[in-house]
Amino acid sequence: MTARYFGKGFAAQHLPGTADAVEAIAKGSVKSGLKRATSPSHKGDYDKGRHSADLLQSVDPATLRRCAPHFEKLMQAIATRLR
């Protein structure tokens, strides 16, 4: 998803951790890894304001629920409140 979005030059090897445990990765590591991974890309350095909305649209909710237990808990709490 991210490689497709940022296009040619995206350097995924600079991203920290594993996709199966995203909540265990330190925020600072994510930020610096994104900067290193995206700076040589077609779209340039990752910028939360400029890129996050587009990237969030491509996230698979089932994958996020599997890889981020706190997201799953949030979705369960919302579902409970909506019932």
N, C-alpha and C. Protein backbone atom coordinates (compact mmCIF):
# COMPACT_ATOMS: atom_id res chain seq x y z
N MET A 1 0.83 -1.19 0.00
CA MET A 1 0.00 0.00 0.00
C MET A 1 0.87 1.25 0.00
N THR A 2 1.76 1.38 0.96
CA THR A 2 2.59 2.58 1.05
C THR A 2 3.53 2.69 -0.14
N ALA A 3 4.11 1.57 -0.54
CA ALA A 3 5.03 1.58 -1.68
C ALA A 3 4.28 2.00 -2.94
N ARG A 4 3.08 1.51 -3.12
CA ARG A 4 2.28 1.87 -4.29
C ARG A 4 1.96 3.37 -4.27
N TYR A 5 1.64 3.90 -3.12
CA TYR A 5 1.28 5.32 -2.99
C TYR A 5 2.48 6.23 -3.27
N PHE A 6 3.63 5.93 -2.67
CA PHE A 6 4.80 6.80 -2.82
C PHE A 6 5.55 6.56 -4.12
N GLY A 7 5.34 5.42 -4.72
CA GLY A 7 5.89 5.15 -6.04
C GLY A 7 7.38 4.89 -6.08
N LYS A 8 7.94 5.12 -7.25
CA LYS A 8 9.35 4.83 -7.51
C LYS A 8 10.24 5.53 -6.49
N GLY A 9 11.19 4.78 -5.97
CA GLY A 9 12.14 5.33 -5.02
C GLY A 9 11.78 5.04 -3.57
N PHE A 10 10.56 4.59 -3.31
CA PHE A 10 10.17 4.28 -1.92
C PHE A 10 11.08 3.17 -1.39
N ALA A 11 11.65 3.36 -0.21
CA ALA A 11 12.63 2.44 0.36
C ALA A 11 12.08 1.78 1.62
N ALA A 12 11.27 0.74 1.43
CA ALA A 12 10.59 0.06 2.55
C ALA A 12 11.55 -0.49 3.58
N GLN A 13 12.78 -0.80 3.20
CA GLN A 13 13.74 -1.37 4.15
C GLN A 13 14.05 -0.43 5.31
N HIS A 14 13.71 0.84 5.18
CA HIS A 14 13.97 1.81 6.25
C HIS A 14 12.84 1.87 7.28
N LEU A 15 11.73 1.19 7.02
CA LEU A 15 10.61 1.19 7.97
C LEU A 15 10.94 0.26 9.13
N PRO A 16 10.65 0.69 10.36
CA PRO A 16 11.01 -0.11 11.53
C PRO A 16 9.97 -1.19 11.85
N GLY A 17 10.39 -2.21 12.57
CA GLY A 17 9.47 -3.21 13.10
C GLY A 17 8.82 -4.08 12.05
N THR A 18 7.75 -4.72 12.47
CA THR A 18 7.02 -5.60 11.57
C THR A 18 5.56 -5.16 11.49
N ALA A 19 4.94 -5.44 10.39
CA ALA A 19 3.54 -5.05 10.19
C ALA A 19 2.61 -5.82 11.12
N ASP A 20 3.08 -6.93 11.69
CA ASP A 20 2.23 -7.72 12.57
C ASP A 20 2.16 -7.17 13.99
N ALA A 21 2.97 -6.19 14.31
CA ALA A 21 3.00 -5.64 15.67
C ALA A 21 3.20 -4.13 15.63
N VAL A 22 2.35 -3.44 14.91
CA VAL A 22 2.55 -2.00 14.70
C VAL A 22 2.50 -1.19 15.98
N GLU A 23 1.72 -1.62 16.95
CA GLU A 23 1.60 -0.84 18.19
C GLU A 23 2.85 -0.92 19.06
N ALA A 24 3.72 -1.87 18.79
CA ALA A 24 4.94 -2.03 19.59
C ALA A 24 6.09 -1.17 19.06
N ILE A 25 5.89 -0.52 17.93
CA ILE A 25 6.95 0.30 17.34
C ILE A 25 6.88 1.71 17.92
N ALA A 26 8.00 2.21 18.40
CA ALA A 26 8.06 3.55 18.98
C ALA A 26 7.71 4.61 17.93
N LYS A 27 6.94 5.60 18.35
CA LYS A 27 6.50 6.67 17.44
C LYS A 27 7.68 7.35 16.75
N GLY A 28 8.73 7.62 17.50
CA GLY A 28 9.91 8.27 16.92
C GLY A 28 10.56 7.42 15.83
N SER A 29 10.57 6.11 16.04
CA SER A 29 11.12 5.20 15.03
C SER A 29 10.27 5.21 13.76
N VAL A 30 8.96 5.27 13.95
CA VAL A 30 8.07 5.31 12.79
C VAL A 30 8.30 6.59 12.00
N LYS A 31 8.37 7.72 12.71
CA LYS A 31 8.56 9.01 12.04
C LYS A 31 9.88 9.06 11.28
N SER A 32 10.96 8.65 11.93
CA SER A 32 12.26 8.71 11.25
C SER A 32 12.33 7.69 10.12
N GLY A 33 11.75 6.51 10.32
CA GLY A 33 11.72 5.50 9.27
C GLY A 33 10.93 5.96 8.06
N LEU A 34 9.79 6.60 8.30
CA LEU A 34 8.99 7.13 7.19
C LEU A 34 9.77 8.19 6.41
N LYS A 35 10.46 9.03 7.14
CA LYS A 35 11.25 10.07 6.46
C LYS A 35 12.32 9.46 5.56
N ARG A 36 13.05 8.47 6.11
CA ARG A 36 14.11 7.82 5.31
C ARG A 36 13.52 7.02 4.15
N ALA A 37 12.38 6.37 4.36
CA ALA A 37 11.79 5.53 3.32
C ALA A 37 11.17 6.35 2.19
N THR A 38 10.65 7.52 2.53
CA THR A 38 9.91 8.29 1.53
C THR A 38 10.72 9.39 0.86
N SER A 39 11.79 9.84 1.48
CA SER A 39 12.53 10.97 0.90
C SER A 39 13.00 10.73 -0.54
N PRO A 40 13.44 9.51 -0.89
CA PRO A 40 13.85 9.33 -2.29
C PRO A 40 12.69 9.02 -3.24
N SER A 41 11.46 9.01 -2.72
CA SER A 41 10.31 8.60 -3.53
C SER A 41 9.80 9.72 -4.44
N HIS A 42 8.92 9.32 -5.30
CA HIS A 42 8.28 10.24 -6.26
C HIS A 42 7.54 11.38 -5.54
N LYS A 43 6.89 11.10 -4.40
CA LYS A 43 6.12 12.11 -3.67
C LYS A 43 6.92 12.82 -2.60
N GLY A 44 8.16 12.41 -2.37
CA GLY A 44 9.00 13.07 -1.38
C GLY A 44 8.70 12.67 0.04
N ASP A 45 9.30 13.38 0.99
CA ASP A 45 9.15 13.07 2.42
C ASP A 45 7.69 12.96 2.83
N TYR A 46 7.41 11.96 3.69
CA TYR A 46 6.08 11.82 4.25
C TYR A 46 5.73 13.06 5.06
N ASP A 47 4.54 13.56 4.87
CA ASP A 47 4.02 14.70 5.63
C ASP A 47 2.61 14.32 6.07
N LYS A 48 2.39 14.31 7.38
CA LYS A 48 1.11 13.87 7.92
C LYS A 48 -0.06 14.63 7.29
N GLY A 49 0.04 15.93 7.20
CA GLY A 49 -1.04 16.73 6.66
C GLY A 49 -1.30 16.50 5.18
N ARG A 50 -0.25 16.22 4.46
CA ARG A 50 -0.37 16.07 3.01
C ARG A 50 -0.69 14.64 2.58
N HIS A 51 -0.22 13.63 3.33
CA HIS A 51 -0.33 12.26 2.88
C HIS A 51 -1.26 11.36 3.68
N SER A 52 -1.51 11.67 4.94
CA SER A 52 -2.21 10.71 5.81
C SER A 52 -3.63 10.38 5.35
N ALA A 53 -4.39 11.34 4.89
CA ALA A 53 -5.77 11.06 4.47
C ALA A 53 -5.80 10.07 3.31
N ASP A 54 -4.94 10.27 2.33
CA ASP A 54 -4.88 9.35 1.19
C ASP A 54 -4.45 7.95 1.64
N LEU A 55 -3.46 7.88 2.52
CA LEU A 55 -2.98 6.58 2.97
C LEU A 55 -4.03 5.86 3.81
N LEU A 56 -4.74 6.57 4.66
CA LEU A 56 -5.77 5.94 5.49
C LEU A 56 -6.88 5.33 4.65
N GLN A 57 -7.18 5.91 3.52
CA GLN A 57 -8.21 5.37 2.65
C GLN A 57 -7.84 4.00 2.09
N SER A 58 -6.56 3.70 2.04
CA SER A 58 -6.13 2.43 1.47
C SER A 58 -5.87 1.34 2.52
N VAL A 59 -6.07 1.66 3.80
CA VAL A 59 -5.84 0.69 4.86
C VAL A 59 -7.00 -0.31 4.90
N ASP A 60 -6.65 -1.58 4.95
CA ASP A 60 -7.64 -2.65 5.07
C ASP A 60 -8.01 -2.78 6.55
N PRO A 61 -9.27 -2.51 6.93
CA PRO A 61 -9.66 -2.58 8.34
C PRO A 61 -9.41 -3.95 8.97
N ALA A 62 -9.59 -5.02 8.22
CA ALA A 62 -9.36 -6.37 8.77
C ALA A 62 -7.89 -6.55 9.12
N THR A 63 -7.01 -6.05 8.29
CA THR A 63 -5.58 -6.14 8.57
C THR A 63 -5.23 -5.30 9.79
N LEU A 64 -5.79 -4.11 9.87
CA LEU A 64 -5.52 -3.23 11.01
C LEU A 64 -6.03 -3.86 12.30
N ARG A 65 -7.18 -4.49 12.27
CA ARG A 65 -7.71 -5.15 13.46
C ARG A 65 -6.79 -6.27 13.92
N ARG A 66 -6.19 -6.98 12.96
CA ARG A 66 -5.30 -8.09 13.29
C ARG A 66 -3.95 -7.58 13.83
N CYS A 67 -3.46 -6.49 13.29
CA CYS A 67 -2.11 -6.00 13.63
C CYS A 67 -2.08 -4.97 14.75
N ALA A 68 -3.23 -4.44 15.10
CA ALA A 68 -3.29 -3.39 16.13
C ALA A 68 -4.42 -3.71 17.12
N PRO A 69 -4.11 -4.47 18.16
CA PRO A 69 -5.13 -4.87 19.13
C PRO A 69 -5.91 -3.71 19.73
N HIS A 70 -5.27 -2.55 19.93
CA HIS A 70 -5.99 -1.41 20.49
C HIS A 70 -7.03 -0.87 19.50
N PHE A 71 -6.76 -0.97 18.22
CA PHE A 71 -7.75 -0.57 17.22
C PHE A 71 -8.96 -1.49 17.30
N GLU A 72 -8.72 -2.77 17.45
CA GLU A 72 -9.83 -3.73 17.59
C GLU A 72 -10.67 -3.40 18.82
N LYS A 73 -10.03 -3.09 19.93
CA LYS A 73 -10.76 -2.73 21.15
C LYS A 73 -11.58 -1.46 20.94
N LEU A 74 -11.03 -0.49 20.23
CA LEU A 74 -11.75 0.74 19.92
C LEU A 74 -12.99 0.43 19.09
N MET A 75 -12.84 -0.40 18.07
CA MET A 75 -13.98 -0.75 17.21
C MET A 75 -15.06 -1.48 18.00
N GLN A 76 -14.66 -2.34 18.92
CA GLN A 76 -15.63 -3.05 19.76
C GLN A 76 -16.37 -2.08 20.67
N ALA A 77 -15.65 -1.12 21.25
CA ALA A 77 -16.28 -0.12 22.12
C ALA A 77 -17.26 0.74 21.34
N ILE A 78 -16.92 1.13 20.14
CA ILE A 78 -17.82 1.92 19.32
C ILE A 78 -19.05 1.12 18.96
N ALA A 79 -18.87 -0.14 18.57
CA ALA A 79 -20.00 -1.00 18.22
C ALA A 79 -20.95 -1.17 19.41
N THR A 80 -20.38 -1.31 20.60
CA THR A 80 -21.19 -1.47 21.81
C THR A 80 -22.03 -0.21 22.07
N ARG A 81 -21.41 0.95 21.90
CA ARG A 81 -22.12 2.21 22.13
C ARG A 81 -23.21 2.45 21.09
N LEU A 82 -23.00 1.97 19.89
CA LEU A 82 -23.98 2.18 18.82
C LEU A 82 -25.19 1.24 18.92
N ARG A 83 -25.05 0.18 19.69
CA ARG A 83 -26.17 -0.78 19.83
C ARG A 83 -27.25 -0.27 20.72
